C-alpha atoms as a PDB file:
ATOM      1  CA  MET A   1     -12.860   0.048   6.004  1.00  0.00           C
ATOM      2  CA  ARG A   2      -9.092  -0.297   6.149  1.00  0.00           C
ATOM      3  CA  ASP A   3      -7.124  -1.268   3.075  1.00  0.00           C
ATOM      4  CA  GLU A   4      -3.663  -1.072   1.582  1.00  0.00           C
ATOM      5  CA  HIS A   5      -2.993   2.444   0.275  1.00  0.00           C
ATOM      6  CA  PRO A   6      -2.979   2.714  -3.538  1.00  0.00           C
ATOM      7  CA  VAL A   7       0.476   4.317  -3.427  1.00  0.00           C
ATOM      8  CA  ARG A   8       1.784   1.203  -1.617  1.00  0.00           C
ATOM      9  CA  PHE A   9       0.477  -0.895  -4.524  1.00  0.00           C
ATOM     10  CA  SER A  10       2.870   1.071  -6.773  1.00  0.00           C
ATOM     11  CA  VAL A  11       5.969   0.376  -4.680  1.00  0.00           C
ATOM     12  CA  LEU A  12       8.407  -2.524  -4.985  1.00  0.00           C
ATOM     13  CA  GLY A  13      11.537  -3.138  -2.943  1.00  0.00           C
ATOM     14  CA  MET A  14      14.636  -2.566  -5.075  1.00  0.00           C
ATOM     15  CA  VAL A  15      18.413  -2.504  -4.642  1.00  0.00           C
ATOM     16  CA  VAL A  16      20.110   0.743  -5.634  1.00  0.00           C
ATOM     17  CA  ARG A  17      22.712   0.322  -8.377  1.00  0.00           C
ATOM     18  CA  ASP A  18      24.068   3.815  -8.993  1.00  0.00           C
ATOM     19  CA  HIS A  19      25.134   6.713  -6.815  1.00  0.00           C
ATOM     20  CA  GLN A  20      22.422   9.383  -6.714  1.00  0.00           C
ATOM     21  CA  PRO A  21      24.067  12.853  -6.579  1.00  0.00           C
ATOM     22  CA  ASP A  22      21.421  14.065  -4.097  1.00  0.00           C
ATOM     23  CA  ARG A  23      22.978  11.647  -1.592  1.00  0.00           C
ATOM     24  CA  ASP A  24      25.962  14.039  -1.387  1.00  0.00           C
ATOM     25  CA  GLN A  25      23.653  16.567   0.282  1.00  0.00           C
ATOM     26  CA  GLN A  26      21.061  14.283   1.931  1.00  0.00           C
ATOM     27  CA  GLU A  27      22.721  11.323   3.647  1.00  0.00           C
ATOM     28  CA  TRP A  28      19.404   9.463   4.050  1.00  0.00           C
ATOM     29  CA  VAL A  29      19.136   8.926   0.268  1.00  0.00           C
ATOM     30  CA  SER A  30      19.934   5.249  -0.369  1.00  0.00           C
ATOM     31  CA  GLY A  31      23.409   4.525  -1.702  1.00  0.00           C
ATOM     32  CA  PRO A  32      24.628   1.804  -4.076  1.00  0.00           C
ATOM     33  CA  GLY A  33      23.788  -1.660  -2.733  1.00  0.00           C
ATOM     34  CA  GLY A  34      21.126  -0.307  -0.390  1.00  0.00           C
ATOM     35  CA  ALA A  35      17.558  -1.595  -0.460  1.00  0.00           C
ATOM     36  CA  THR A  36      14.866   1.024  -0.992  1.00  0.00           C
ATOM     37  CA  PRO A  37      11.199   1.305  -1.938  1.00  0.00           C
ATOM     38  CA  ALA A  38      10.812   2.320  -5.582  1.00  0.00           C
ATOM     39  CA  LEU A  39       7.786   3.453  -7.583  1.00  0.00           C
ATOM     40  CA  GLU A  40       7.707   0.706 -10.209  1.00  0.00           C
ATOM     41  CA  LEU A  41       4.003   0.044 -10.793  1.00  0.00           C
ATOM     42  CA  PRO A  42       1.295   2.469 -11.943  1.00  0.00           C
ATOM     43  CA  TYR A  43      -0.580   4.525  -9.362  1.00  0.00           C
ATOM     44  CA  TRP A  44      -3.344   5.613 -11.729  1.00  0.00           C
ATOM     45  CA  PRO A  45      -5.580   2.844 -13.111  1.00  0.00           C
ATOM     46  CA  THR A  46      -4.443   1.557 -16.498  1.00  0.00           C
ATOM     47  CA  PRO A  47      -6.693   0.393 -19.350  1.00  0.00           C
ATOM     48  CA  GLU A  48      -5.302  -3.136 -19.017  1.00  0.00           C
ATOM     49  CA  ALA A  49      -5.203  -5.072 -15.770  1.00  0.00           C
ATOM     50  CA  LEU A  50      -1.835  -6.218 -14.446  1.00  0.00           C
ATOM     51  CA  THR A  51      -1.422  -9.999 -14.650  1.00  0.00           C
ATOM     52  CA  TRP A  52       0.276 -11.836 -11.792  1.00  0.00           C
ATOM     53  CA  SER A  53       1.138 -15.476 -11.206  1.00  0.00           C
ATOM     54  CA  ASP A  54       1.849 -16.307  -7.571  1.00  0.00           C
ATOM     55  CA  GLU A  55       2.051 -19.895  -6.326  1.00  0.00           C
ATOM     56  CA  VAL A  56       1.830 -18.872  -2.648  1.00  0.00           C
ATOM     57  CA  SER A  57      -0.726 -16.702  -0.888  1.00  0.00           C
ATOM     58  CA  TYR A  58       0.274 -13.090  -0.258  1.00  0.00           C
ATOM     59  CA  ALA A  59      -0.419 -13.885   3.395  1.00  0.00           C
ATOM     60  CA  GLY A  60       2.544 -16.264   3.170  1.00  0.00           C
ATOM     61  CA  GLU A  61       0.692 -19.462   4.009  1.00  0.00           C
ATOM     62  CA  GLY A  62      -0.436 -22.250   1.721  1.00  0.00           C
ATOM     63  CA  SER A  63      -0.407 -22.675  -2.026  1.00  0.00           C
ATOM     64  CA  ILE A  64      -2.962 -21.163  -4.381  1.00  0.00           C
ATOM     65  CA  SER A  65      -5.070 -23.424  -6.578  1.00  0.00           C
ATOM     66  CA  SER A  66      -5.430 -20.749  -9.311  1.00  0.00           C
ATOM     67  CA  PRO A  67      -2.181 -18.756  -9.218  1.00  0.00           C
ATOM     68  CA  VAL A  68      -2.919 -16.364 -12.118  1.00  0.00           C
ATOM     69  CA  SER A  69      -4.749 -13.181 -11.172  1.00  0.00           C
ATOM     70  CA  ARG A  70      -5.581  -9.902 -12.891  1.00  0.00           C
ATOM     71  CA  GLU A  71      -5.591  -6.708 -10.923  1.00  0.00           C
ATOM     72  CA  VAL A  72      -6.712  -3.129 -11.461  1.00  0.00           C
ATOM     73  CA  ASP A  73      -5.897  -1.081  -8.387  1.00  0.00           C
ATOM     74  CA  PRO A  74      -7.935   2.038  -7.719  1.00  0.00           C
ATOM     75  CA  CYS A  75      -6.264   5.309  -6.863  1.00  0.00           C
ATOM     76  CA  ALA A  76      -7.236   6.953  -3.550  1.00  0.00           C
ATOM     77  CA  GLN A  77      -9.780   9.189  -5.265  1.00  0.00           C
ATOM     78  CA  GLN A  78     -11.666   6.180  -6.635  1.00  0.00           C
ATOM     79  CA  ASP A  79     -11.891   4.532  -3.196  1.00  0.00           C
ATOM     80  CA  ARG A  80     -13.459   7.667  -1.703  1.00  0.00           C
ATOM     81  CA  GLN A  81     -15.738   8.200  -4.679  1.00  0.00           C
ATOM     82  CA  ALA A  82     -17.042   4.609  -4.450  1.00  0.00           C
ATOM     83  CA  VAL A  83     -18.214   5.327  -0.891  1.00  0.00           C
ATOM     84  CA  LEU A  84     -20.005   8.482  -2.024  1.00  0.00           C
ATOM     85  CA  ASP A  85     -21.485   6.787  -5.112  1.00  0.00           C
ATOM     86  CA  ALA A  86     -22.976   4.129  -2.828  1.00  0.00           C
ATOM     87  CA  GLY A  87     -24.946   6.913  -1.131  1.00  0.00           C
ATOM     88  CA  LEU A  88     -22.860   6.848   2.041  1.00  0.00           C
ATOM     89  CA  ARG A  89     -21.461   9.873   3.789  1.00  0.00           C
ATOM     90  CA  LEU A  90     -17.726   9.876   4.354  1.00  0.00           C
ATOM     91  CA  GLU A  91     -17.009  10.828   7.947  1.00  0.00           C
ATOM     92  CA  LEU A  92     -13.306  10.094   8.180  1.00  0.00           C
ATOM     93  CA  HIS A  93     -10.348   9.387   5.896  1.00  0.00           C
ATOM     94  CA  ILE A  94      -7.031   8.596   7.601  1.00  0.00           C
ATOM     95  CA  GLU A  95      -3.787   7.486   5.990  1.00  0.00           C
ATOM     96  CA  HIS A  96      -1.401   5.247   7.953  1.00  0.00           C
ATOM     97  CA  ALA A  97       2.340   4.631   7.638  1.00  0.00           C
ATOM     98  CA  SER A  98       1.772   0.966   8.523  1.00  0.00           C
ATOM     99  CA  VAL A  99      -0.025  -2.205   7.417  1.00  0.00           C
ATOM    100  CA  PRO A 100      -0.871  -5.388   9.365  1.00  0.00           C
ATOM    101  CA  TRP A 101       1.430  -7.563   7.196  1.00  0.00           C
ATOM    102  CA  ASP A 102       4.992  -7.387   5.847  1.00  0.00           C
ATOM    103  CA  ALA A 103       4.111  -5.727   2.534  1.00  0.00           C
ATOM    104  CA  LEU A 104       7.731  -5.051   1.509  1.00  0.00           C
ATOM    105  CA  PRO A 105       9.861  -7.894   2.921  1.00  0.00           C
ATOM    106  CA  GLY A 106      13.334  -6.743   3.874  1.00  0.00           C
ATOM    107  CA  LEU A 107      12.312  -3.082   4.039  1.00  0.00           C
ATOM    108  CA  MET A 108       9.786  -3.168   6.870  1.00  0.00           C
ATOM    109  CA  VAL A 109       9.938  -3.685  10.622  1.00  0.00           C
ATOM    110  CA  GLN A 110       7.184  -4.598  13.042  1.00  0.00           C
ATOM    111  CA  ASP A 111       6.295  -1.914  15.581  1.00  0.00           C
ATOM    112  CA  GLU A 112       4.923  -2.160  19.121  1.00  0.00           C
ATOM    113  CA  ARG A 113       1.348  -2.491  17.759  1.00  0.00           C
ATOM    114  CA  ARG A 114       2.416  -5.464  15.587  1.00  0.00           C
ATOM    115  CA  GLU A 115       2.027  -3.329  12.436  1.00  0.00           C
ATOM    116  CA  PHE A 116       4.672  -3.221   9.701  1.00  0.00           C
ATOM    117  CA  ARG A 117       6.209   0.039   8.528  1.00  0.00           C
ATOM    118  CA  LEU A 118       9.295   1.046   6.549  1.00  0.00           C
ATOM    119  CA  ALA A 119      12.440   0.597   8.625  1.00  0.00           C
ATOM    120  CA  ARG A 120      13.863   3.824   7.153  1.00  0.00           C
ATOM    121  CA  GLN A 121      11.709   6.957   6.759  1.00  0.00           C
ATOM    122  CA  PRO A 122       8.330   5.292   7.469  1.00  0.00           C
ATOM    123  CA  GLU A 123       6.670   8.694   7.199  1.00  0.00           C
ATOM    124  CA  TRP A 124       7.422   8.760   3.463  1.00  0.00           C
ATOM    125  CA  LEU A 125       5.051   5.981   2.433  1.00  0.00           C
ATOM    126  CA  PRO A 126       1.288   5.940   2.930  1.00  0.00           C
ATOM    127  CA  ALA A 127       0.976   2.193   3.510  1.00  0.00           C
ATOM    128  CA  SER A 128      -2.745   1.886   4.320  1.00  0.00           C
ATOM    129  CA  PHE A 129      -5.831   4.006   4.839  1.00  0.00           C
ATOM    130  CA  THR A 130      -9.082   3.929   6.759  1.00  0.00           C
ATOM    131  CA  LEU A 131     -12.430   5.214   5.497  1.00  0.00           C
ATOM    132  CA  MET A 132     -15.285   5.506   7.963  1.00  0.00           C
ATOM    133  CA  THR A 133     -18.937   6.293   7.440  1.00  0.00           C
ATOM    134  CA  PRO A 134     -21.265   7.363  10.257  1.00  0.00           C
ATOM    135  CA  GLN A 135     -22.995   4.620  12.205  1.00  0.00           C
ATOM    136  CA  PRO A 136     -26.746   4.533  11.485  1.00  0.00           C
ATOM    137  CA  ALA A 137     -29.000   5.566  14.344  1.00  0.00           C
ATOM    138  CA  ALA A 138     -30.489   2.652  16.312  1.00  0.00           C
ATOM    139  CA  GLY A 139     -33.490   1.193  14.532  1.00  0.00           C
ATOM    140  CA  ARG A 140     -32.700   2.924  11.231  1.00  0.00           C
ATOM    141  CA  SER A 141     -30.988   1.603   8.156  1.00  0.00           C
ATOM    142  CA  ARG A 142     -29.267   3.591   5.445  1.00  0.00           C
END
């Protein structure tokens, strides 16, 4: 299973307004007017679902007949625990710095594998993850 990383669900693209003093020592810190990913949405599940109204599909094609949605995003721990609770054995958990779609328009670039990652410091954002369970032996089911 590959899915968007729960941390990526918490990030929105923002434009920096103020000078951050750390930029004086670390030139890679975004300066005023620069676009940057910002933690703006909760990482941990909240008691109330987030409500969204989007007229266009997140895939960027076609309109949506029911644009209002409610969303409760699991944290990484809940994704792994769901696999274990289903009685499956977790064989592999890998985090990736990329996703197959432009999840943060204006902040991401497409790489040689046609995956999207942050244009600046892609190693700072876990964008997706893969969970893998062992394949059942031939002729056996789980």
